[in-house]
Amino acid sequence: MVRVLDALQEAAARADVARSVHGTSRGGEVTLSGRQEFLTVAEAAAVRGCSTRAITKAIASGRLPAERHGHSWWIGAADLDQYRYGRSRA
């Protein structure tokens, strides 16, 4: 149980960092526009407010562009923003 609480605290802290470092608030949601920085799957999930599984499924299906570096996926902040608001990457 303690591990779960620690993980939730860490995800909340990452979301706060993502809001302060990567974007601005738009109607209660975080916008990551402007800077091409990369986020991990966990950071992207925290910013988007979904599970890491949802992010990895979006990457696997090609709906969310990401780069593989070793065992990790790196997601561009602009790509996550476009995915969040339903805009195509084209």
N, C-alpha and C. Protein backbone atom coordinates (compact mmCIF):
# COMPACT_ATOMS: atom_id res chain seq x y z
N MET A 1 0.82 -1.20 0.00
CA MET A 1 0.00 0.00 0.00
C MET A 1 0.87 1.26 0.00
N VAL A 2 1.96 1.20 0.73
CA VAL A 2 2.85 2.37 0.79
C VAL A 2 3.44 2.64 -0.59
N ARG A 3 3.77 1.60 -1.35
CA ARG A 3 4.33 1.79 -2.69
C ARG A 3 3.34 2.50 -3.60
N VAL A 4 2.09 2.13 -3.50
CA VAL A 4 1.06 2.76 -4.32
C VAL A 4 0.94 4.24 -3.98
N LEU A 5 0.92 4.55 -2.71
CA LEU A 5 0.84 5.95 -2.29
C LEU A 5 2.05 6.74 -2.73
N ASP A 6 3.24 6.13 -2.62
CA ASP A 6 4.46 6.79 -3.08
C ASP A 6 4.39 7.06 -4.58
N ALA A 7 3.90 6.08 -5.35
CA ALA A 7 3.79 6.25 -6.80
C ALA A 7 2.81 7.36 -7.14
N LEU A 8 1.69 7.42 -6.42
CA LEU A 8 0.72 8.49 -6.66
C LEU A 8 1.29 9.86 -6.33
N GLN A 9 2.03 9.94 -5.24
CA GLN A 9 2.67 11.21 -4.87
C GLN A 9 3.68 11.63 -5.93
N GLU A 10 4.45 10.68 -6.41
CA GLU A 10 5.45 10.98 -7.44
C GLU A 10 4.77 11.47 -8.72
N ALA A 11 3.69 10.81 -9.12
CA ALA A 11 2.96 11.22 -10.33
C ALA A 11 2.39 12.63 -10.16
N ALA A 12 1.86 12.93 -8.98
CA ALA A 12 1.33 14.27 -8.73
C ALA A 12 2.44 15.31 -8.78
N ALA A 13 3.59 14.97 -8.22
CA ALA A 13 4.72 15.90 -8.25
C ALA A 13 5.19 16.13 -9.67
N ARG A 14 5.23 15.06 -10.47
CA ARG A 14 5.64 15.21 -11.88
C ARG A 14 4.65 16.07 -12.64
N ALA A 15 3.37 15.91 -12.36
CA ALA A 15 2.37 16.74 -13.03
C ALA A 15 2.55 18.20 -12.67
N ASP A 16 2.87 18.48 -11.40
CA ASP A 16 3.12 19.87 -10.99
C ASP A 16 4.33 20.42 -11.71
N VAL A 17 5.38 19.61 -11.83
CA VAL A 17 6.59 20.04 -12.52
C VAL A 17 6.28 20.28 -13.99
N ALA A 18 5.52 19.37 -14.60
CA ALA A 18 5.18 19.53 -16.01
C ALA A 18 4.39 20.81 -16.23
N ARG A 19 3.49 21.13 -15.33
CA ARG A 19 2.72 22.37 -15.47
C ARG A 19 3.62 23.59 -15.36
N SER A 20 4.56 23.56 -14.43
CA SER A 20 5.39 24.74 -14.21
C SER A 20 6.51 24.87 -15.24
N VAL A 21 7.02 23.74 -15.75
CA VAL A 21 8.16 23.79 -16.66
C VAL A 21 7.74 23.77 -18.12
N HIS A 22 6.76 22.93 -18.46
CA HIS A 22 6.47 22.67 -19.86
C HIS A 22 5.29 23.44 -20.44
N GLY A 23 4.47 24.04 -19.64
CA GLY A 23 3.32 24.64 -20.27
C GLY A 23 2.55 25.59 -19.40
N THR A 24 1.40 25.93 -19.91
CA THR A 24 0.52 26.84 -19.21
C THR A 24 -0.85 26.20 -19.09
N SER A 25 -1.64 26.71 -18.20
CA SER A 25 -2.97 26.16 -17.98
C SER A 25 -3.95 26.76 -18.98
N ARG A 26 -4.81 25.92 -19.52
CA ARG A 26 -5.86 26.38 -20.43
C ARG A 26 -7.15 25.70 -20.00
N GLY A 27 -7.98 26.41 -19.26
CA GLY A 27 -9.24 25.86 -18.81
C GLY A 27 -9.07 24.67 -17.90
N GLY A 28 -8.06 24.70 -17.03
CA GLY A 28 -7.82 23.61 -16.12
C GLY A 28 -6.95 22.50 -16.68
N GLU A 29 -6.55 22.60 -17.96
CA GLU A 29 -5.69 21.60 -18.57
C GLU A 29 -4.34 22.22 -18.86
N VAL A 30 -3.35 21.39 -18.96
CA VAL A 30 -1.99 21.86 -19.24
C VAL A 30 -1.75 21.86 -20.74
N THR A 31 -1.24 22.94 -21.26
CA THR A 31 -0.87 23.07 -22.66
C THR A 31 0.65 23.05 -22.75
N LEU A 32 1.18 22.22 -23.62
CA LEU A 32 2.63 22.07 -23.71
C LEU A 32 3.22 22.76 -24.93
N SER A 33 2.54 23.73 -25.45
CA SER A 33 2.99 24.37 -26.68
C SER A 33 4.24 25.21 -26.46
N GLY A 34 4.94 25.44 -27.57
CA GLY A 34 6.07 26.34 -27.52
C GLY A 34 7.42 25.67 -27.53
N ARG A 35 7.66 24.72 -26.67
CA ARG A 35 8.99 24.16 -26.54
C ARG A 35 8.99 22.69 -26.93
N GLN A 36 10.02 22.27 -27.68
CA GLN A 36 10.14 20.87 -28.08
C GLN A 36 11.04 20.16 -27.08
N GLU A 37 10.48 19.84 -25.96
CA GLU A 37 11.17 19.06 -24.95
C GLU A 37 10.55 17.68 -24.94
N PHE A 38 11.23 16.75 -24.33
CA PHE A 38 10.75 15.38 -24.32
C PHE A 38 10.30 14.98 -22.94
N LEU A 39 9.27 14.14 -22.89
CA LEU A 39 8.73 13.62 -21.66
C LEU A 39 8.78 12.11 -21.71
N THR A 40 8.87 11.48 -20.55
CA THR A 40 8.78 10.03 -20.47
C THR A 40 7.31 9.64 -20.56
N VAL A 41 7.05 8.35 -20.68
CA VAL A 41 5.67 7.87 -20.72
C VAL A 41 4.96 8.25 -19.42
N ALA A 42 5.63 8.09 -18.28
CA ALA A 42 5.02 8.42 -16.99
C ALA A 42 4.70 9.92 -16.89
N GLU A 43 5.62 10.76 -17.36
CA GLU A 43 5.38 12.20 -17.33
C GLU A 43 4.23 12.58 -18.25
N ALA A 44 4.19 11.98 -19.45
CA ALA A 44 3.11 12.26 -20.39
C ALA A 44 1.77 11.83 -19.81
N ALA A 45 1.75 10.68 -19.16
CA ALA A 45 0.50 10.21 -18.54
C ALA A 45 0.05 11.15 -17.43
N ALA A 46 0.99 11.64 -16.64
CA ALA A 46 0.65 12.56 -15.55
C ALA A 46 0.10 13.87 -16.11
N VAL A 47 0.71 14.38 -17.17
CA VAL A 47 0.26 15.63 -17.77
C VAL A 47 -1.12 15.44 -18.40
N ARG A 48 -1.31 14.32 -19.07
CA ARG A 48 -2.58 14.07 -19.76
C ARG A 48 -3.67 13.60 -18.81
N GLY A 49 -3.28 13.09 -17.64
CA GLY A 49 -4.27 12.62 -16.68
C GLY A 49 -4.82 11.25 -17.02
N CYS A 50 -3.95 10.39 -17.55
CA CYS A 50 -4.37 9.05 -17.92
C CYS A 50 -3.32 8.06 -17.43
N SER A 51 -3.49 6.81 -17.77
CA SER A 51 -2.54 5.78 -17.34
C SER A 51 -1.36 5.70 -18.30
N THR A 52 -0.27 5.12 -17.83
CA THR A 52 0.89 4.90 -18.69
C THR A 52 0.53 3.92 -19.80
N ARG A 53 -0.36 2.98 -19.49
CA ARG A 53 -0.81 2.00 -20.50
C ARG A 53 -1.51 2.71 -21.66
N ALA A 54 -2.32 3.71 -21.37
CA ALA A 54 -3.00 4.45 -22.43
C ALA A 54 -2.00 5.16 -23.33
N ILE A 55 -0.94 5.70 -22.74
CA ILE A 55 0.09 6.37 -23.54
C ILE A 55 0.83 5.37 -24.41
N THR A 56 1.23 4.23 -23.83
CA THR A 56 1.97 3.23 -24.62
C THR A 56 1.09 2.65 -25.73
N LYS A 57 -0.20 2.50 -25.49
CA LYS A 57 -1.10 2.02 -26.54
C LYS A 57 -1.20 3.05 -27.67
N ALA A 58 -1.24 4.34 -27.32
CA ALA A 58 -1.30 5.38 -28.34
C ALA A 58 -0.01 5.40 -29.16
N ILE A 59 1.12 5.16 -28.50
CA ILE A 59 2.39 5.09 -29.22
C ILE A 59 2.40 3.87 -30.14
N ALA A 60 2.00 2.71 -29.63
CA ALA A 60 2.01 1.47 -30.40
C ALA A 60 1.09 1.55 -31.62
N SER A 61 -0.02 2.26 -31.50
CA SER A 61 -0.96 2.36 -32.61
C SER A 61 -0.56 3.44 -33.62
N GLY A 62 0.45 4.25 -33.27
CA GLY A 62 0.90 5.29 -34.17
C GLY A 62 0.17 6.61 -34.01
N ARG A 63 -0.77 6.68 -33.05
CA ARG A 63 -1.51 7.93 -32.84
C ARG A 63 -0.68 8.97 -32.11
N LEU A 64 0.35 8.53 -31.35
CA LEU A 64 1.21 9.45 -30.61
C LEU A 64 2.65 9.18 -31.01
N PRO A 65 3.28 10.10 -31.72
CA PRO A 65 4.68 9.91 -32.13
C PRO A 65 5.60 9.90 -30.91
N ALA A 66 6.59 9.01 -30.92
CA ALA A 66 7.57 8.93 -29.84
C ALA A 66 8.85 8.30 -30.38
N GLU A 67 9.93 8.56 -29.67
CA GLU A 67 11.23 7.99 -30.04
C GLU A 67 11.65 6.99 -28.98
N ARG A 68 12.18 5.87 -29.43
CA ARG A 68 12.64 4.85 -28.50
C ARG A 68 14.12 5.10 -28.20
N HIS A 69 14.46 5.18 -26.92
CA HIS A 69 15.84 5.34 -26.47
C HIS A 69 16.10 4.27 -25.42
N GLY A 70 16.77 3.21 -25.84
CA GLY A 70 16.98 2.08 -24.92
C GLY A 70 15.66 1.42 -24.61
N HIS A 71 15.33 1.36 -23.32
CA HIS A 71 14.06 0.76 -22.90
C HIS A 71 12.97 1.80 -22.67
N SER A 72 13.26 3.05 -22.99
CA SER A 72 12.32 4.14 -22.70
C SER A 72 11.79 4.76 -23.98
N TRP A 73 10.57 5.28 -23.90
CA TRP A 73 10.00 6.08 -24.97
C TRP A 73 10.12 7.54 -24.57
N TRP A 74 10.49 8.39 -25.52
CA TRP A 74 10.53 9.83 -25.30
C TRP A 74 9.48 10.46 -26.20
N ILE A 75 8.64 11.28 -25.61
CA ILE A 75 7.53 11.88 -26.33
C ILE A 75 7.76 13.39 -26.39
N GLY A 76 7.70 13.94 -27.57
CA GLY A 76 7.86 15.38 -27.73
C GLY A 76 6.69 16.12 -27.10
N ALA A 77 6.98 17.21 -26.42
CA ALA A 77 5.93 18.00 -25.77
C ALA A 77 4.91 18.49 -26.78
N ALA A 78 5.36 18.94 -27.94
CA ALA A 78 4.44 19.41 -28.97
C ALA A 78 3.58 18.27 -29.50
N ASP A 79 4.17 17.08 -29.64
CA ASP A 79 3.41 15.92 -30.09
C ASP A 79 2.33 15.54 -29.08
N LEU A 80 2.67 15.60 -27.79
CA LEU A 80 1.69 15.29 -26.76
C LEU A 80 0.56 16.32 -26.77
N ASP A 81 0.91 17.58 -26.96
CA ASP A 81 -0.10 18.64 -27.01
C ASP A 81 -1.04 18.41 -28.19
N GLN A 82 -0.50 18.08 -29.35
CA GLN A 82 -1.33 17.81 -30.53
C GLN A 82 -2.21 16.60 -30.30
N TYR A 83 -1.68 15.57 -29.69
CA TYR A 83 -2.45 14.36 -29.41
C TYR A 83 -3.58 14.67 -28.43
N ARG A 84 -3.31 15.48 -27.42
CA ARG A 84 -4.30 15.80 -26.39
C ARG A 84 -5.48 16.55 -26.98
N TYR A 85 -5.25 17.40 -27.94
CA TYR A 85 -6.32 18.24 -28.47
C TYR A 85 -6.81 17.78 -29.84
N GLY A 86 -6.43 16.55 -30.23
CA GLY A 86 -7.00 15.93 -31.41
C GLY A 86 -6.54 16.48 -32.74
N ARG A 87 -5.44 17.21 -32.75
CA ARG A 87 -4.94 17.73 -34.02
C ARG A 87 -4.02 16.70 -34.65
N SER A 88 -4.11 16.56 -35.94
CA SER A 88 -3.21 15.61 -36.62
C SER A 88 -1.83 16.23 -36.77
N ARG A 89 -0.86 15.39 -36.87
CA ARG A 89 0.52 15.82 -36.93
C ARG A 89 0.90 16.30 -38.32
N ALA A 90 0.18 15.94 -39.33
CA ALA A 90 0.51 16.26 -40.72
C ALA A 90 0.78 17.71 -40.87
